[in-house]
Protein backbone atom coordinates (compact mmCIF):
# COMPACT_ATOMS: atom_id res chain seq x y z
CA MET A 1 23.10 -1.41 21.44
CA PRO A 2 23.95 -3.22 18.34
CA SER A 3 24.13 -1.00 15.30
CA TYR A 4 21.80 -2.06 12.43
CA ASN A 5 21.70 -1.65 8.80
CA ARG A 6 19.09 0.54 7.48
CA VAL A 7 16.35 -1.60 5.67
CA ALA A 8 13.55 -0.84 3.09
CA LEU A 9 10.74 -3.41 2.41
CA VAL A 10 8.42 -3.64 -0.52
CA THR A 11 5.29 -5.89 -0.47
CA GLY A 12 4.02 -7.59 -3.56
CA ALA A 13 7.44 -7.04 -5.12
CA ASN A 14 8.05 -10.01 -7.48
CA LYS A 15 6.56 -8.34 -10.56
CA GLY A 16 4.99 -5.05 -12.02
CA ILE A 17 5.23 -1.89 -10.03
CA GLY A 18 6.45 -3.57 -6.87
CA PHE A 19 9.46 -5.11 -8.70
CA ALA A 20 10.18 -1.68 -10.32
CA ILE A 21 10.02 0.12 -6.89
CA THR A 22 12.30 -2.64 -5.54
CA ARG A 23 14.83 -2.30 -8.28
CA ASP A 24 15.04 1.57 -7.98
CA LEU A 25 15.37 1.32 -4.14
CA CYS A 26 18.11 -1.18 -4.69
CA ARG A 27 19.99 1.60 -6.63
CA LYS A 28 18.99 4.60 -4.44
CA PHE A 29 18.38 3.50 -0.88
CA PRO A 30 21.52 3.49 1.66
CA GLY A 31 20.98 0.25 3.08
CA ASP A 32 19.33 -3.19 2.69
CA VAL A 33 16.27 -3.59 0.47
CA VAL A 34 13.78 -6.66 1.18
CA LEU A 35 11.66 -7.97 -1.69
CA THR A 36 8.78 -9.87 -0.44
CA ALA A 37 6.27 -11.98 -2.41
CA ARG A 38 3.67 -14.34 -1.46
CA ASP A 39 5.06 -17.14 -3.66
CA GLU A 40 8.42 -18.03 -2.59
CA ALA A 41 9.66 -19.42 -5.86
CA ARG A 42 8.49 -16.36 -7.79
CA GLY A 43 10.04 -13.97 -5.17
CA ARG A 44 13.52 -15.78 -5.37
CA ALA A 45 13.40 -15.71 -9.26
CA ALA A 46 12.78 -12.01 -9.00
CA VAL A 47 15.59 -11.60 -6.54
CA GLN A 48 18.00 -13.58 -8.99
CA GLN A 49 16.83 -11.29 -11.83
CA LEU A 50 17.97 -8.25 -9.91
CA GLN A 51 21.17 -9.83 -8.90
CA ALA A 52 21.74 -10.43 -12.52
CA GLU A 53 21.55 -6.71 -13.00
CA GLY A 54 24.19 -6.25 -10.25
CA LEU A 55 21.85 -5.36 -7.38
CA SER A 56 21.57 -7.27 -4.10
CA PRO A 57 18.03 -7.45 -2.54
CA ARG A 58 17.20 -9.62 0.17
CA PHE A 59 14.15 -11.93 0.08
CA HIS A 60 11.41 -12.71 2.56
CA GLN A 61 8.13 -14.54 2.04
CA LEU A 62 5.11 -12.58 2.73
CA ASP A 63 1.38 -13.19 2.26
CA ILE A 64 -0.49 -10.15 3.34
CA ASP A 65 -3.73 -12.38 3.77
CA ASN A 66 -1.89 -14.62 6.24
CA PRO A 67 -1.25 -13.17 9.87
CA GLN A 68 1.25 -15.85 10.63
CA SER A 69 3.23 -14.78 7.56
CA ILE A 70 3.19 -11.13 8.57
CA CYS A 71 4.26 -11.86 12.11
CA ALA A 72 7.13 -14.04 10.89
CA LEU A 73 8.22 -10.84 8.90
CA ARG A 74 7.94 -8.68 11.76
CA ASP A 75 10.19 -10.95 13.86
CA PHE A 76 12.63 -11.13 11.16
CA LEU A 77 12.90 -7.32 10.79
CA ARG A 78 13.14 -6.91 14.58
CA LYS A 79 15.89 -9.41 15.06
CA GLU A 80 17.84 -8.52 11.95
CA TYR A 81 17.41 -4.76 11.80
CA GLY A 82 15.80 -3.60 15.15
CA GLY A 83 13.00 -2.04 13.06
CA LEU A 84 12.25 -0.75 9.66
CA ASP A 85 13.06 2.35 7.94
CA VAL A 86 11.12 2.25 4.78
CA LEU A 87 7.88 0.27 3.99
CA VAL A 88 6.14 0.35 0.71
CA ASN A 89 2.63 -1.54 0.89
CA ASN A 90 2.24 -2.47 -2.86
CA ALA A 91 0.61 -5.85 -2.69
CA GLY A 92 -2.85 -5.90 -3.98
CA ILE A 93 -5.17 -7.48 -6.57
CA VAL A 94 -7.57 -6.47 -9.29
CA PHE A 95 -10.10 -8.60 -11.30
CA GLN A 96 -10.31 -8.29 -15.07
CA CYS A 97 -13.65 -9.96 -15.15
CA THR A 98 -16.54 -7.58 -15.19
CA ASP A 99 -19.22 -10.26 -14.72
CA LEU A 100 -21.49 -9.02 -12.11
CA ASN A 101 -22.56 -12.54 -11.21
CA HIS A 102 -19.22 -12.97 -9.77
CA PHE A 103 -19.26 -9.49 -8.07
CA HIS A 104 -19.79 -10.83 -4.50
CA ILE A 105 -16.59 -13.11 -4.85
CA GLN A 106 -14.58 -10.38 -6.36
CA ARG A 107 -15.76 -7.95 -3.78
CA GLU A 108 -14.75 -10.14 -0.74
CA ALA A 109 -11.27 -10.96 -2.49
CA ALA A 110 -10.43 -7.42 -3.39
CA MET A 111 -11.50 -6.19 0.09
CA LYS A 112 -9.69 -8.88 2.02
CA THR A 113 -6.22 -8.33 0.39
CA ASN A 114 -6.33 -4.65 -0.68
CA PHE A 115 -7.83 -2.99 2.49
CA PHE A 116 -7.60 -5.68 5.17
CA GLY A 117 -4.35 -6.99 4.08
CA THR A 118 -2.71 -3.61 4.00
CA GLN A 119 -4.10 -2.78 7.42
CA ALA A 120 -2.81 -6.07 8.92
CA VAL A 121 0.57 -5.35 7.60
CA CYS A 122 0.60 -1.73 9.05
CA THR A 123 -0.80 -2.99 12.37
CA GLU A 124 2.29 -5.23 12.67
CA LEU A 125 4.95 -3.16 11.03
CA LEU A 126 4.15 0.40 11.78
CA PRO A 127 5.24 0.02 15.50
CA LEU A 128 8.71 -0.94 13.96
CA ILE A 129 9.11 2.16 11.86
CA LYS A 130 12.27 4.02 13.01
CA THR A 131 12.92 7.77 13.46
CA GLN A 132 12.54 9.56 10.15
CA GLY A 133 11.12 6.43 8.50
CA ARG A 134 8.94 6.47 5.43
CA VAL A 135 5.66 4.69 4.67
CA VAL A 136 4.00 4.65 1.17
CA ASN A 137 0.78 2.93 0.74
CA VAL A 138 0.21 2.34 -2.93
CA SER A 139 -3.36 3.19 -3.72
CA SER A 140 -5.00 4.56 -6.89
CA LEU A 141 -6.43 7.50 -8.55
CA ILE A 142 -9.51 5.28 -8.88
CA SER A 143 -9.96 5.96 -5.19
CA LEU A 144 -10.43 9.78 -5.95
CA GLU A 145 -12.77 9.03 -8.70
CA ALA A 146 -14.74 6.54 -6.82
CA LEU A 147 -15.12 8.96 -3.82
CA LYS A 148 -16.82 11.29 -6.32
CA ASN A 149 -19.20 8.51 -7.09
CA CYS A 150 -20.12 7.86 -3.55
CA SER A 151 -23.24 9.44 -1.95
CA PRO A 152 -22.71 12.82 -0.33
CA GLU A 153 -23.07 10.99 3.01
CA LEU A 154 -20.44 8.55 2.36
CA ARG A 155 -18.22 11.21 0.87
CA GLN A 156 -18.56 13.37 3.95
CA LYS A 157 -17.61 10.21 6.15
CA PHE A 158 -14.44 9.46 4.15
CA ARG A 159 -13.27 13.02 3.88
CA SER A 160 -13.65 13.40 7.76
CA GLU A 161 -10.57 14.60 9.59
CA THR A 162 -11.83 12.59 12.58
CA ILE A 163 -12.70 9.25 11.15
CA THR A 164 -11.33 6.40 13.20
CA GLU A 165 -9.76 3.30 12.09
CA GLU A 166 -12.78 1.32 13.57
CA GLU A 167 -15.29 3.52 11.78
CA LEU A 168 -13.51 2.90 8.50
CA VAL A 169 -13.42 -0.84 9.09
CA GLY A 170 -17.14 -0.65 9.73
CA LEU A 171 -17.75 1.20 6.30
CA MET A 172 -15.56 -1.32 4.25
CA ASN A 173 -17.52 -4.14 5.97
CA LYS A 174 -20.82 -2.27 5.23
CA PHE A 175 -20.01 -2.22 1.47
CA VAL A 176 -19.11 -6.02 1.54
CA GLU A 177 -22.45 -6.60 3.17
CA ASP A 178 -24.39 -4.37 0.90
CA ALA A 179 -22.85 -5.81 -2.23
CA LYS A 180 -23.78 -9.39 -1.09
CA GLU A 181 -27.42 -8.17 -0.69
CA GLY A 182 -27.23 -6.45 -4.14
CA VAL A 183 -28.19 -3.09 -2.50
CA HIS A 184 -24.70 -1.47 -2.60
CA GLU A 185 -25.58 1.09 -5.39
CA LYS A 186 -28.90 2.12 -3.56
CA GLU A 187 -26.90 2.56 -0.50
CA GLY A 188 -24.71 5.10 -2.09
CA TRP A 189 -21.63 2.94 -3.15
CA PRO A 190 -19.62 2.92 -6.54
CA ASN A 191 -19.91 -0.38 -8.44
CA SER A 192 -16.19 -1.30 -8.05
CA ALA A 193 -14.97 -3.48 -5.31
CA TYR A 194 -11.43 -2.59 -6.20
CA ALA A 195 -12.28 1.22 -6.08
CA VAL A 196 -13.84 0.95 -2.74
CA SER A 197 -10.97 -1.02 -1.39
CA LYS A 198 -8.51 1.75 -2.56
CA ILE A 199 -10.73 4.50 -0.93
CA GLY A 200 -10.21 2.42 2.33
CA VAL A 201 -6.37 2.39 1.74
CA THR A 202 -6.24 6.10 1.15
CA VAL A 203 -8.38 6.94 4.13
CA LEU A 204 -6.44 4.62 6.27
CA SER A 205 -3.28 6.42 5.26
CA ARG A 206 -4.72 9.61 6.53
CA ILE A 207 -5.72 7.89 9.78
CA TYR A 208 -2.48 6.58 10.34
CA ALA A 209 -0.71 9.80 9.66
CA ARG A 210 -2.88 11.57 12.17
CA LYS A 211 -2.12 8.97 14.80
CA LEU A 212 1.78 9.28 14.14
CA ASN A 213 1.32 13.00 14.64
CA GLU A 214 -0.33 12.33 18.08
CA GLU A 215 1.79 9.55 19.30
CA ARG A 216 5.24 9.96 17.66
CA ARG A 217 5.36 13.73 16.60
CA GLY A 218 9.13 13.88 17.27
CA ASP A 219 10.02 10.99 15.31
CA LYS A 220 9.54 12.81 11.94
CA ILE A 221 7.91 9.85 10.25
CA LEU A 222 6.15 10.67 7.06
CA LEU A 223 3.39 8.27 5.78
CA ASN A 224 1.37 8.94 2.53
CA ALA A 225 -0.83 7.11 0.00
CA CYS A 226 -0.05 7.50 -3.65
CA CYS A 227 -1.22 6.65 -7.20
CA PRO A 228 1.42 5.33 -9.40
CA GLY A 229 -0.53 6.10 -12.47
CA TRP A 230 -2.09 3.74 -15.31
CA VAL A 231 0.88 1.14 -15.39
CA ARG A 232 1.39 -1.69 -17.86
CA THR A 233 1.34 -4.53 -15.58
CA ASP A 234 -0.50 -7.86 -15.51
CA MET A 235 -3.26 -5.91 -13.45
CA ALA A 236 -3.77 -2.84 -15.78
CA GLY A 237 -2.98 -4.49 -19.22
CA PRO A 238 -0.97 -3.63 -22.14
CA LYS A 239 -2.76 -0.31 -23.07
CA ALA A 240 -1.85 1.56 -19.84
CA THR A 241 0.27 4.75 -20.57
CA LYS A 242 3.02 4.17 -18.16
CA SER A 243 5.81 1.70 -17.90
CA PRO A 244 6.41 0.04 -14.35
CA GLU A 245 9.66 2.03 -14.15
CA GLU A 246 7.47 5.24 -14.49
CA GLY A 247 4.95 3.87 -12.18
CA ALA A 248 7.71 3.48 -9.58
CA GLU A 249 8.58 7.17 -9.64
CA THR A 250 6.09 8.54 -7.18
CA PRO A 251 6.20 5.65 -4.52
CA VAL A 252 10.08 5.86 -4.52
CA TYR A 253 10.10 9.56 -4.29
CA LEU A 254 7.95 9.32 -1.23
CA ALA A 255 10.09 6.39 0.24
CA LEU A 256 13.22 8.62 0.09
CA LEU A 257 11.97 11.98 1.20
CA THR A 258 14.96 13.55 2.78
CA PRO A 259 15.49 13.38 6.59
CA ASP A 260 14.75 17.03 6.97
CA ALA A 261 11.62 16.98 4.80
CA GLU A 262 8.44 18.27 6.71
CA GLY A 263 6.11 16.71 4.22
CA PRO A 264 4.12 15.53 2.43
CA HIS A 265 2.51 13.60 5.27
CA GLY A 266 -0.89 12.09 5.41
CA GLN A 267 -1.53 13.03 1.71
CA PHE A 268 -2.73 11.43 -1.60
CA VAL A 269 0.23 11.93 -4.03
CA GLN A 270 0.25 11.48 -7.78
CA ASP A 271 3.10 12.55 -10.18
CA LYS A 272 4.93 13.72 -7.04
CA LYS A 273 2.16 16.37 -6.53
CA VAL A 274 -0.30 16.34 -3.54
CA GLU A 275 -4.04 15.84 -4.79
CA GLN A 276 -6.80 17.20 -2.97
CA TRP A 277 -8.88 14.38 -1.38
C-alpha cells in the first residue's frame, strides 16, 4: 500500500468564508489543503495570494453544478491521496435582488447549487472519506429561522429522525414546483429559496450522519452542518457583524475535531455550540 499524505478540501474557496477557511486550514491542518473554485483563473489567483503569505495550498477546479467536474475531482483525490480526510462544503449562492418577479429564476438557481450541488459532491466524495475523517457542510442560521416559518406539517418532516434522502429530495423539488406555480406560501413554505435550500443542507447532513452510523460506525467519521454567522462577504454585504476570519472559526473547529472526539456528529453547530434543530 502506498502511504498517502493527508488532505483537506474546501469548495467555493476563492473568496469570502471559503478563502478564510482554506487559509486557516493551511496553517493548522497536518497535510495538504486543496482550494477549489468554479473559475480556474480566480482559484489560481487565490492560491497565489495564500502563497504570498507563505502558505502552500493546492488548486483543483470544481463546479458543484457540473457532474463531470465533480467526478474529475473525485478521481484526482483517489489517485493522489487514496481518499479524503476533511471535506468542507462551502460553495453556495444567494441573490441580493428581492424582486419577486424573478423569484422563480432565483429559486431554481439557489436550489440547484446550494442543495443539489452539495448533495452531488457528497454522493461522490463521502465514499472517499477516510477513517476519522471530518465533513462540514456550511449551512446557515437562516435554515433554523426558516424551519420555524414552515407549516407544522413541513416542520415535522424536516425534523424527522427517519426522513430519507429520497424524501428530502422530493420536498426540495416540491418547493421548486410550488414556487413556480405561486402557491409556495399557501403550501406552508417560507418566502426564501435560499432559506429552503439551507434547510435542505442541514437536513441532508443529519441524514448522512445517520447513514455513516449505520454503515461505517467503526470509522469514527464526524459529519456536521454549521452556521458561520453573519459574515462580511460579497453574499452578505458590508453591514454583517463578522469578518470572514471569524466566520471561518466554527467550520475549521469542526474540520479539525481531534481523532478521539466522539462528537458533535449529525448536528447543527453555531459559534462552536450545538443548536437544537
